[in-house]
Amino acid sequence: MIAGVYQPGNSCFHRATPGLKLAALAIYAVALSVVEQIVLLMGLSALVLVAWQIAGLTWAQLSANLKLLIWILLALFGFQLFVAGFWRAFDTILTLAALVVAAALVSHTTRTDDMLDTLTAAFSPFARFGVKPEDAAFVLVFTVRLVPFVSIVGREAIDARRARGAGRNPVPALVPMVIRLMRETDALSEALVARGFGRT
């Protein structure tokens, strides 16, 4: 399940409240989007790598989160290079990669239940306007969890093919990856229904 991306630890990131981490993630995302100087953007990107190490997470875990994304980044880089030039292309892929790592950092250091509880409480004041706090909280948590979870599933599919001697080409691994994601989605849906999520 998606909650499996959590990695137990005792770092300052693990001890920080989910609300603080989500607020920091939002501020970091805004900072990445508004910074125009490439030097500052590289500094912000390096900052999340430092945070990753402070959190006690491994570089292998970082690689796992970026392994599948690299193909998307390369395709995006080629397109941006053609239409906007090298520095614009570099800016785009660096921003996306930094955001993915930041989201993975929050996912790996925060329990799903804690994050859901925090966001549900945060959305509670909006219930008077018709917002369902539990639904809104789940959507945000699922979004933050999604990228590292998909990366983990993709890595396992590629590793399974490699173990069978099928080579390193990631394209044939897409079919078992999609099947695995569909099964996990079904299991997640059943678990939510069993807990009364979405019932009126």
C-alpha atoms as a PDB file:
ATOM      1  CA  MET A   1       0.000   0.000   0.000  1.00  0.00           C
ATOM      2  CA  ILE A   2       0.989   3.637  -0.411  1.00  0.00           C
ATOM      3  CA  ALA A   3       1.694   3.985   3.293  1.00  0.00           C
ATOM      4  CA  GLY A   4       4.663   1.667   2.791  1.00  0.00           C
ATOM      5  CA  VAL A   5       6.912   4.525   1.683  1.00  0.00           C
ATOM      6  CA  TYR A   6       7.285   5.674   5.298  1.00  0.00           C
ATOM      7  CA  GLN A   7      10.766   4.962   6.672  1.00  0.00           C
ATOM      8  CA  PRO A   8      11.037   4.931  10.490  1.00  0.00           C
ATOM      9  CA  GLY A   9      13.702   7.155  11.964  1.00  0.00           C
ATOM     10  CA  ASN A  10      14.584   9.635  14.697  1.00  0.00           C
ATOM     11  CA  SER A  11      15.803  12.600  12.674  1.00  0.00           C
ATOM     12  CA  CYS A  12      14.514  16.132  13.134  1.00  0.00           C
ATOM     13  CA  PHE A  13      12.367  15.588  10.049  1.00  0.00           C
ATOM     14  CA  HIS A  14      10.748  12.506  11.557  1.00  0.00           C
ATOM     15  CA  ARG A  15      10.048  14.395  14.778  1.00  0.00           C
ATOM     16  CA  ALA A  16       8.635  17.481  13.064  1.00  0.00           C
ATOM     17  CA  THR A  17       4.864  17.766  12.913  1.00  0.00           C
ATOM     18  CA  PRO A  18       3.152  16.852   9.630  1.00  0.00           C
ATOM     19  CA  GLY A  19       1.714  20.357   9.415  1.00  0.00           C
ATOM     20  CA  LEU A  20       5.154  21.926   9.592  1.00  0.00           C
ATOM     21  CA  LYS A  21       6.526  19.590   6.917  1.00  0.00           C
ATOM     22  CA  LEU A  22       3.611  20.177   4.560  1.00  0.00           C
ATOM     23  CA  ALA A  23       3.893  23.940   5.036  1.00  0.00           C
ATOM     24  CA  ALA A  24       7.624  23.748   4.340  1.00  0.00           C
ATOM     25  CA  LEU A  25       6.929  21.674   1.220  1.00  0.00           C
ATOM     26  CA  ALA A  26       4.445  24.283  -0.028  1.00  0.00           C
ATOM     27  CA  ILE A  27       6.894  27.141   0.613  1.00  0.00           C
ATOM     28  CA  TYR A  28       9.678  25.209  -1.074  1.00  0.00           C
ATOM     29  CA  ALA A  29       7.491  24.577  -4.143  1.00  0.00           C
ATOM     30  CA  VAL A  30       6.636  28.278  -4.392  1.00  0.00           C
ATOM     31  CA  ALA A  31      10.297  29.244  -4.013  1.00  0.00           C
ATOM     32  CA  LEU A  32      11.299  26.882  -6.815  1.00  0.00           C
ATOM     33  CA  SER A  33       8.636  28.313  -9.092  1.00  0.00           C
ATOM     34  CA  VAL A  34       9.475  31.990  -8.559  1.00  0.00           C
ATOM     35  CA  VAL A  35      13.276  31.831  -8.553  1.00  0.00           C
ATOM     36  CA  GLU A  36      14.676  32.911 -11.906  1.00  0.00           C
ATOM     37  CA  GLN A  37      18.425  32.894 -11.298  1.00  0.00           C
ATOM     38  CA  ILE A  38      19.838  29.488 -12.153  1.00  0.00           C
ATOM     39  CA  VAL A  39      22.397  29.731  -9.342  1.00  0.00           C
ATOM     40  CA  LEU A  40      19.673  30.202  -6.741  1.00  0.00           C
ATOM     41  CA  LEU A  41      17.676  27.347  -8.241  1.00  0.00           C
ATOM     42  CA  MET A  42      20.689  25.054  -7.979  1.00  0.00           C
ATOM     43  CA  GLY A  43      21.126  26.165  -4.374  1.00  0.00           C
ATOM     44  CA  LEU A  44      17.512  25.309  -3.544  1.00  0.00           C
ATOM     45  CA  SER A  45      17.899  21.935  -5.250  1.00  0.00           C
ATOM     46  CA  ALA A  46      21.049  21.217  -3.267  1.00  0.00           C
ATOM     47  CA  LEU A  47      19.197  22.182  -0.081  1.00  0.00           C
ATOM     48  CA  VAL A  48      16.706  19.335  -0.431  1.00  0.00           C
ATOM     49  CA  LEU A  49      19.601  16.898  -0.948  1.00  0.00           C
ATOM     50  CA  VAL A  50      21.138  18.082   2.313  1.00  0.00           C
ATOM     51  CA  ALA A  51      17.762  17.635   4.014  1.00  0.00           C
ATOM     52  CA  TRP A  52      17.547  14.124   2.557  1.00  0.00           C
ATOM     53  CA  GLN A  53      20.849  13.183   4.163  1.00  0.00           C
ATOM     54  CA  ILE A  54      19.949  14.798   7.489  1.00  0.00           C
ATOM     55  CA  ALA A  55      16.762  12.710   7.522  1.00  0.00           C
ATOM     56  CA  GLY A  56      18.920   9.579   7.468  1.00  0.00           C
ATOM     57  CA  LEU A  57      17.577   8.411   4.109  1.00  0.00           C
ATOM     58  CA  THR A  58      19.875   6.581   1.720  1.00  0.00           C
ATOM     59  CA  TRP A  59      21.044   7.595  -1.732  1.00  0.00           C
ATOM     60  CA  ALA A  60      19.652   4.289  -2.988  1.00  0.00           C
ATOM     61  CA  GLN A  61      16.198   5.445  -1.894  1.00  0.00           C
ATOM     62  CA  LEU A  62      16.764   8.749  -3.659  1.00  0.00           C
ATOM     63  CA  SER A  63      17.785   6.922  -6.815  1.00  0.00           C
ATOM     64  CA  ALA A  64      14.687   4.731  -6.586  1.00  0.00           C
ATOM     65  CA  ASN A  65      12.454   7.809  -6.484  1.00  0.00           C
ATOM     66  CA  LEU A  66      14.138   9.348  -9.527  1.00  0.00           C
ATOM     67  CA  LYS A  67      14.781   6.212 -11.604  1.00  0.00           C
ATOM     68  CA  LEU A  68      11.535   6.248 -13.567  1.00  0.00           C
ATOM     69  CA  LEU A  69      11.307  10.021 -13.587  1.00  0.00           C
ATOM     70  CA  ILE A  70      14.604  10.258 -15.449  1.00  0.00           C
ATOM     71  CA  TRP A  71      12.959   9.154 -18.700  1.00  0.00           C
ATOM     72  CA  ILE A  72      10.270  11.808 -18.367  1.00  0.00           C
ATOM     73  CA  LEU A  73      12.877  14.423 -17.504  1.00  0.00           C
ATOM     74  CA  LEU A  74      15.019  13.513 -20.506  1.00  0.00           C
ATOM     75  CA  ALA A  75      12.034  13.728 -22.850  1.00  0.00           C
ATOM     76  CA  LEU A  76      10.974  17.032 -21.312  1.00  0.00           C
ATOM     77  CA  PHE A  77      14.536  18.347 -21.500  1.00  0.00           C
ATOM     78  CA  GLY A  78      14.735  17.500 -25.194  1.00  0.00           C
ATOM     79  CA  PHE A  79      11.447  19.277 -25.912  1.00  0.00           C
ATOM     80  CA  GLN A  80      12.359  22.367 -23.880  1.00  0.00           C
ATOM     81  CA  LEU A  81      15.806  22.425 -25.456  1.00  0.00           C
ATOM     82  CA  PHE A  82      14.203  22.569 -28.890  1.00  0.00           C
ATOM     83  CA  VAL A  83      11.595  25.244 -28.123  1.00  0.00           C
ATOM     84  CA  ALA A  84      13.203  27.358 -25.376  1.00  0.00           C
ATOM     85  CA  GLY A  85      16.935  26.720 -25.226  1.00  0.00           C
ATOM     86  CA  PHE A  86      19.337  24.953 -22.880  1.00  0.00           C
ATOM     87  CA  TRP A  87      18.968  27.035 -19.718  1.00  0.00           C
ATOM     88  CA  ARG A  88      15.167  26.982 -19.823  1.00  0.00           C
ATOM     89  CA  ALA A  89      15.246  23.219 -20.288  1.00  0.00           C
ATOM     90  CA  PHE A  90      17.725  22.826 -17.430  1.00  0.00           C
ATOM     91  CA  ASP A  91      15.573  25.055 -15.200  1.00  0.00           C
ATOM     92  CA  THR A  92      12.459  22.973 -15.895  1.00  0.00           C
ATOM     93  CA  ILE A  93      13.901  19.538 -15.183  1.00  0.00           C
ATOM     94  CA  LEU A  94      15.842  20.731 -12.136  1.00  0.00           C
ATOM     95  CA  THR A  95      12.661  22.225 -10.651  1.00  0.00           C
ATOM     96  CA  LEU A  96      10.651  19.051 -11.249  1.00  0.00           C
ATOM     97  CA  ALA A  97      13.362  16.796  -9.849  1.00  0.00           C
ATOM     98  CA  ALA A  98      13.720  18.943  -6.721  1.00  0.00           C
ATOM     99  CA  LEU A  99       9.946  18.893  -6.157  1.00  0.00           C
ATOM    100  CA  VAL A 100       9.829  15.114  -6.486  1.00  0.00           C
ATOM    101  CA  VAL A 101      12.662  14.694  -3.980  1.00  0.00           C
ATOM    102  CA  ALA A 102      11.013  17.140  -1.560  1.00  0.00           C
ATOM    103  CA  ALA A 103       7.684  15.312  -1.771  1.00  0.00           C
ATOM    104  CA  ALA A 104       9.453  11.987  -1.283  1.00  0.00           C
ATOM    105  CA  LEU A 105      11.245  13.411   1.771  1.00  0.00           C
ATOM    106  CA  VAL A 106       7.908  14.285   3.370  1.00  0.00           C
ATOM    107  CA  SER A 107       6.458  10.883   2.472  1.00  0.00           C
ATOM    108  CA  HIS A 108       9.415   8.941   3.832  1.00  0.00           C
ATOM    109  CA  THR A 109       9.438  10.801   7.156  1.00  0.00           C
ATOM    110  CA  THR A 110       5.698  11.112   7.884  1.00  0.00           C
ATOM    111  CA  ARG A 111       3.187   8.423   8.805  1.00  0.00           C
ATOM    112  CA  THR A 112       0.086   8.444   6.640  1.00  0.00           C
ATOM    113  CA  ASP A 113      -2.305   8.505   9.617  1.00  0.00           C
ATOM    114  CA  ASP A 114      -0.509  11.496  11.137  1.00  0.00           C
ATOM    115  CA  MET A 115      -0.650  13.388   7.863  1.00  0.00           C
ATOM    116  CA  LEU A 116      -4.333  12.606   7.389  1.00  0.00           C
ATOM    117  CA  ASP A 117      -5.197  13.716  10.923  1.00  0.00           C
ATOM    118  CA  THR A 118      -3.309  16.994  10.502  1.00  0.00           C
ATOM    119  CA  LEU A 119      -4.881  17.862   7.163  1.00  0.00           C
ATOM    120  CA  THR A 120      -8.364  16.839   8.290  1.00  0.00           C
ATOM    121  CA  ALA A 121      -8.071  19.243  11.213  1.00  0.00           C
ATOM    122  CA  ALA A 122      -6.745  21.961   8.893  1.00  0.00           C
ATOM    123  CA  PHE A 123      -9.702  21.597   6.530  1.00  0.00           C
ATOM    124  CA  SER A 124     -12.306  21.401   9.292  1.00  0.00           C
ATOM    125  CA  PRO A 125     -13.066  25.171   9.293  1.00  0.00           C
ATOM    126  CA  PHE A 126     -14.047  24.894   5.614  1.00  0.00           C
ATOM    127  CA  ALA A 127     -16.747  22.292   6.350  1.00  0.00           C
ATOM    128  CA  ARG A 128     -19.290  25.115   6.650  1.00  0.00           C
ATOM    129  CA  PHE A 129     -18.640  25.904   2.971  1.00  0.00           C
ATOM    130  CA  GLY A 130     -19.389  22.355   1.864  1.00  0.00           C
ATOM    131  CA  VAL A 131     -15.831  21.020   1.941  1.00  0.00           C
ATOM    132  CA  LYS A 132     -15.467  17.501   3.305  1.00  0.00           C
ATOM    133  CA  PRO A 133     -12.310  17.629   5.460  1.00  0.00           C
ATOM    134  CA  GLU A 134     -11.609  13.887   5.214  1.00  0.00           C
ATOM    135  CA  ASP A 135     -11.920  13.885   1.419  1.00  0.00           C
ATOM    136  CA  ALA A 136      -9.735  16.953   0.944  1.00  0.00           C
ATOM    137  CA  ALA A 137      -7.099  15.568   3.316  1.00  0.00           C
ATOM    138  CA  PHE A 138      -7.017  12.233   1.519  1.00  0.00           C
ATOM    139  CA  VAL A 139      -6.565  13.874  -1.901  1.00  0.00           C
ATOM    140  CA  LEU A 140      -3.579  15.901  -0.687  1.00  0.00           C
ATOM    141  CA  VAL A 141      -1.972  12.959   1.110  1.00  0.00           C
ATOM    142  CA  PHE A 142      -2.473  10.709  -1.897  1.00  0.00           C
ATOM    143  CA  THR A 143      -0.868  13.327  -4.162  1.00  0.00           C
ATOM    144  CA  VAL A 144       2.194  13.671  -1.931  1.00  0.00           C
ATOM    145  CA  ARG A 145       2.531   9.890  -1.648  1.00  0.00           C
ATOM    146  CA  LEU A 146       1.920   9.094  -5.298  1.00  0.00           C
ATOM    147  CA  VAL A 147       5.282   9.911  -6.898  1.00  0.00           C
ATOM    148  CA  PRO A 148       7.528   7.953  -4.515  1.00  0.00           C
ATOM    149  CA  PHE A 149       5.064   5.060  -4.519  1.00  0.00           C
ATOM    150  CA  VAL A 150       4.994   4.835  -8.312  1.00  0.00           C
ATOM    151  CA  SER A 151       8.787   5.014  -8.332  1.00  0.00           C
ATOM    152  CA  ILE A 152       9.007   2.101  -5.907  1.00  0.00           C
ATOM    153  CA  VAL A 153       6.609  -0.018  -7.977  1.00  0.00           C
ATOM    154  CA  GLY A 154       8.506   0.816 -11.152  1.00  0.00           C
ATOM    155  CA  ARG A 155      11.846  -0.032  -9.605  1.00  0.00           C
ATOM    156  CA  GLU A 156      10.548  -3.393  -8.402  1.00  0.00           C
ATOM    157  CA  ALA A 157       9.159  -4.195 -11.869  1.00  0.00           C
ATOM    158  CA  ILE A 158      12.468  -3.345 -13.548  1.00  0.00           C
ATOM    159  CA  ASP A 159      14.476  -5.266 -10.949  1.00  0.00           C
ATOM    160  CA  ALA A 160      12.220  -8.306 -11.430  1.00  0.00           C
ATOM    161  CA  ARG A 161      12.858  -8.280 -15.189  1.00  0.00           C
ATOM    162  CA  ARG A 162      16.574  -7.882 -14.645  1.00  0.00           C
ATOM    163  CA  ALA A 163      16.597 -10.818 -12.208  1.00  0.00           C
ATOM    164  CA  ARG A 164      15.017 -12.971 -14.927  1.00  0.00           C
ATOM    165  CA  GLY A 165      17.741 -11.937 -17.356  1.00  0.00           C
ATOM    166  CA  ALA A 166      15.425  -9.754 -19.452  1.00  0.00           C
ATOM    167  CA  GLY A 167      17.798  -6.785 -19.569  1.00  0.00           C
ATOM    168  CA  ARG A 168      17.650  -3.226 -18.270  1.00  0.00           C
ATOM    169  CA  ASN A 169      15.134  -1.811 -20.777  1.00  0.00           C
ATOM    170  CA  PRO A 170      12.360  -0.214 -18.643  1.00  0.00           C
ATOM    171  CA  VAL A 171       9.732  -0.139 -21.413  1.00  0.00           C
ATOM    172  CA  PRO A 172       8.636  -3.827 -21.163  1.00  0.00           C
ATOM    173  CA  ALA A 173       8.314  -3.363 -17.401  1.00  0.00           C
ATOM    174  CA  LEU A 174       5.455  -0.896 -17.902  1.00  0.00           C
ATOM    175  CA  VAL A 175       2.825  -3.634 -18.272  1.00  0.00           C
ATOM    176  CA  PRO A 176       3.529  -5.401 -14.939  1.00  0.00           C
ATOM    177  CA  MET A 177       3.960  -1.979 -13.346  1.00  0.00           C
ATOM    178  CA  VAL A 178       0.502  -0.823 -14.486  1.00  0.00           C
ATOM    179  CA  ILE A 179      -1.043  -4.116 -13.342  1.00  0.00           C
ATOM    180  CA  ARG A 180       0.582  -3.757  -9.927  1.00  0.00           C
ATOM    181  CA  LEU A 181      -0.634  -0.177  -9.607  1.00  0.00           C
ATOM    182  CA  MET A 182      -4.185  -1.217 -10.534  1.00  0.00           C
ATOM    183  CA  ARG A 183      -4.117  -3.966  -7.895  1.00  0.00           C
ATOM    184  CA  GLU A 184      -2.817  -1.561  -5.270  1.00  0.00           C
ATOM    185  CA  THR A 185      -5.487   0.966  -6.231  1.00  0.00           C
ATOM    186  CA  ASP A 186      -8.202  -1.683  -5.855  1.00  0.00           C
ATOM    187  CA  ALA A 187      -6.823  -2.703  -2.463  1.00  0.00           C
ATOM    188  CA  LEU A 188      -6.705   0.934  -1.389  1.00  0.00           C
ATOM    189  CA  SER A 189     -10.312   1.461  -2.513  1.00  0.00           C
ATOM    190  CA  GLU A 190     -11.499  -1.587  -0.583  1.00  0.00           C
ATOM    191  CA  ALA A 191      -9.670  -0.433   2.537  1.00  0.00           C
ATOM    192  CA  LEU A 192     -11.222   3.035   2.279  1.00  0.00           C
ATOM    193  CA  VAL A 193     -14.723   1.637   1.798  1.00  0.00           C
ATOM    194  CA  ALA A 194     -14.223  -0.680   4.782  1.00  0.00           C
ATOM    195  CA  ARG A 195     -13.348   2.371   6.898  1.00  0.00           C
ATOM    196  CA  GLY A 196     -16.421   4.254   5.706  1.00  0.00           C
ATOM    197  CA  PHE A 197     -14.510   6.728   3.536  1.00  0.00           C
ATOM    198  CA  GLY A 198     -16.709   8.529   1.036  1.00  0.00           C
ATOM    199  CA  ARG A 199     -20.005   7.413   2.572  1.00  0.00           C
ATOM    200  CA  THR A 200     -22.645  10.028   3.129  1.00  0.00           C
END
